[in-house]
Amino acid sequence: MGKVAVSIKVSPKEGANLKSIEAEIKKIKNVKDVTEENIGFGIKVIKVLVVIDDSSGGSQAIEDKISAVKGVDMIDVLDTTLI
């Protein structure tokens, strides 16, 4: 079995503390990288890279964990690829 890299964009709720959200996301198992990205007009999103086993059946479990973090408004899976 191989590994799957999943890139996820996390949009915070208005006024949410990005550093707090990042810290909570970093605690989630299999999260490999967390970065902030400016998308314009002072709006920032958080990009998360997760590496999971392809036998795990998909990224829904990790998506649910990230969505449950306080201050997260919505998430979007940007890319999924075998590594």
C-alpha atoms as a PDB file:
ATOM      1  CA  MET A   1       0.000   0.000   0.000  1.00  0.00           C
ATOM      2  CA  GLY A   2       1.096   3.546  -0.704  1.00  0.00           C
ATOM      3  CA  LYS A   3       0.621   6.962   0.772  1.00  0.00           C
ATOM      4  CA  VAL A   4      -1.707   9.744  -0.324  1.00  0.00           C
ATOM      5  CA  ALA A   5      -0.936  13.465   0.008  1.00  0.00           C
ATOM      6  CA  VAL A   6      -4.003  15.646   0.492  1.00  0.00           C
ATOM      7  CA  SER A   7      -3.817  19.428   0.193  1.00  0.00           C
ATOM      8  CA  ILE A   8      -6.607  21.242   2.043  1.00  0.00           C
ATOM      9  CA  LYS A   9      -7.557  24.939   2.131  1.00  0.00           C
ATOM     10  CA  VAL A  10      -9.023  26.037   5.461  1.00  0.00           C
ATOM     11  CA  SER A  11     -11.089  29.223   5.543  1.00  0.00           C
ATOM     12  CA  PRO A  12     -11.341  30.753   9.028  1.00  0.00           C
ATOM     13  CA  LYS A  13     -14.430  32.454  10.397  1.00  0.00           C
ATOM     14  CA  GLU A  14     -14.318  36.232  10.337  1.00  0.00           C
ATOM     15  CA  GLY A  15     -12.280  37.533  13.257  1.00  0.00           C
ATOM     16  CA  ALA A  16     -10.881  34.099  14.145  1.00  0.00           C
ATOM     17  CA  ASN A  17      -7.332  33.815  15.482  1.00  0.00           C
ATOM     18  CA  LEU A  18      -5.309  32.166  12.687  1.00  0.00           C
ATOM     19  CA  LYS A  19      -2.404  31.223  14.965  1.00  0.00           C
ATOM     20  CA  SER A  20      -4.785  29.401  17.308  1.00  0.00           C
ATOM     21  CA  ILE A  21      -6.383  27.510  14.413  1.00  0.00           C
ATOM     22  CA  GLU A  22      -2.955  26.577  13.029  1.00  0.00           C
ATOM     23  CA  ALA A  23      -1.808  25.304  16.441  1.00  0.00           C
ATOM     24  CA  GLU A  24      -4.889  23.083  16.791  1.00  0.00           C
ATOM     25  CA  ILE A  25      -4.553  21.721  13.249  1.00  0.00           C
ATOM     26  CA  LYS A  26      -0.881  20.867  13.846  1.00  0.00           C
ATOM     27  CA  LYS A  27      -1.979  18.589  16.718  1.00  0.00           C
ATOM     28  CA  ILE A  28      -3.997  16.389  14.331  1.00  0.00           C
ATOM     29  CA  LYS A  29      -2.313  13.116  13.414  1.00  0.00           C
ATOM     30  CA  ASN A  30      -0.836  12.910   9.882  1.00  0.00           C
ATOM     31  CA  VAL A  31      -0.692  16.700   9.358  1.00  0.00           C
ATOM     32  CA  LYS A  32       2.703  17.383   7.779  1.00  0.00           C
ATOM     33  CA  ASP A  33       2.597  21.107   6.956  1.00  0.00           C
ATOM     34  CA  VAL A  34       0.471  24.135   7.874  1.00  0.00           C
ATOM     35  CA  THR A  35       0.983  27.539   6.213  1.00  0.00           C
ATOM     36  CA  GLU A  36      -0.872  30.838   5.908  1.00  0.00           C
ATOM     37  CA  GLU A  37      -1.605  32.310   2.501  1.00  0.00           C
ATOM     38  CA  ASN A  38      -2.862  35.781   1.591  1.00  0.00           C
ATOM     39  CA  ILE A  39      -5.606  35.599  -1.005  1.00  0.00           C
ATOM     40  CA  GLY A  40      -6.207  39.347  -1.281  1.00  0.00           C
ATOM     41  CA  PHE A  41      -7.709  42.360   0.441  1.00  0.00           C
ATOM     42  CA  GLY A  42      -6.343  41.244   3.826  1.00  0.00           C
ATOM     43  CA  ILE A  43      -8.057  37.869   3.638  1.00  0.00           C
ATOM     44  CA  LYS A  44      -5.963  34.874   4.674  1.00  0.00           C
ATOM     45  CA  VAL A  45      -6.507  31.136   4.436  1.00  0.00           C
ATOM     46  CA  ILE A  46      -4.598  28.222   5.914  1.00  0.00           C
ATOM     47  CA  LYS A  47      -3.147  25.542   3.641  1.00  0.00           C
ATOM     48  CA  VAL A  48      -2.744  22.099   5.209  1.00  0.00           C
ATOM     49  CA  LEU A  49      -0.815  19.127   3.832  1.00  0.00           C
ATOM     50  CA  VAL A  50      -1.857  15.728   5.162  1.00  0.00           C
ATOM     51  CA  VAL A  51      -0.250  12.367   4.327  1.00  0.00           C
ATOM     52  CA  ILE A  52      -2.388   9.267   4.905  1.00  0.00           C
ATOM     53  CA  ASP A  53      -2.271   5.592   3.903  1.00  0.00           C
ATOM     54  CA  ASP A  54      -4.267   4.899   0.770  1.00  0.00           C
ATOM     55  CA  SER A  55      -5.804   1.942   2.593  1.00  0.00           C
ATOM     56  CA  SER A  56      -7.493   4.337   5.041  1.00  0.00           C
ATOM     57  CA  GLY A  57     -10.400   4.759   2.646  1.00  0.00           C
ATOM     58  CA  GLY A  58     -10.139   8.471   1.912  1.00  0.00           C
ATOM     59  CA  SER A  59      -9.634  11.791   3.599  1.00  0.00           C
ATOM     60  CA  GLN A  60     -13.092  12.263   5.125  1.00  0.00           C
ATOM     61  CA  ALA A  61     -11.943  11.475   8.690  1.00  0.00           C
ATOM     62  CA  ILE A  62      -9.163  14.073   8.577  1.00  0.00           C
ATOM     63  CA  GLU A  63     -11.495  16.591   6.912  1.00  0.00           C
ATOM     64  CA  ASP A  64     -13.966  16.125   9.767  1.00  0.00           C
ATOM     65  CA  LYS A  65     -11.226  16.690  12.369  1.00  0.00           C
ATOM     66  CA  ILE A  66     -10.069  19.894  10.697  1.00  0.00           C
ATOM     67  CA  SER A  67     -13.654  21.152  10.291  1.00  0.00           C
ATOM     68  CA  ALA A  68     -14.225  20.598  14.016  1.00  0.00           C
ATOM     69  CA  VAL A  69     -11.409  22.996  15.013  1.00  0.00           C
ATOM     70  CA  LYS A  70     -12.787  26.126  16.685  1.00  0.00           C
ATOM     71  CA  GLY A  71     -12.731  29.084  14.290  1.00  0.00           C
ATOM     72  CA  VAL A  72     -12.848  27.069  11.051  1.00  0.00           C
ATOM     73  CA  ASP A  73     -15.589  28.230   8.694  1.00  0.00           C
ATOM     74  CA  MET A  74     -15.102  25.810   5.794  1.00  0.00           C
ATOM     75  CA  ILE A  75     -12.545  23.582   4.122  1.00  0.00           C
ATOM     76  CA  ASP A  76     -11.852  22.629   0.520  1.00  0.00           C
ATOM     77  CA  VAL A  77      -9.749  19.721  -0.695  1.00  0.00           C
ATOM     78  CA  LEU A  78      -7.461  21.261  -3.308  1.00  0.00           C
ATOM     79  CA  ASP A  79      -5.536  18.205  -4.459  1.00  0.00           C
ATOM     80  CA  THR A  80      -5.114  14.522  -3.764  1.00  0.00           C
ATOM     81  CA  THR A  81      -2.200  12.518  -5.145  1.00  0.00           C
ATOM     82  CA  LEU A  82      -0.331   9.275  -4.582  1.00  0.00           C
ATOM     83  CA  ILE A  83       3.210   9.641  -3.260  1.00  0.00           C
END
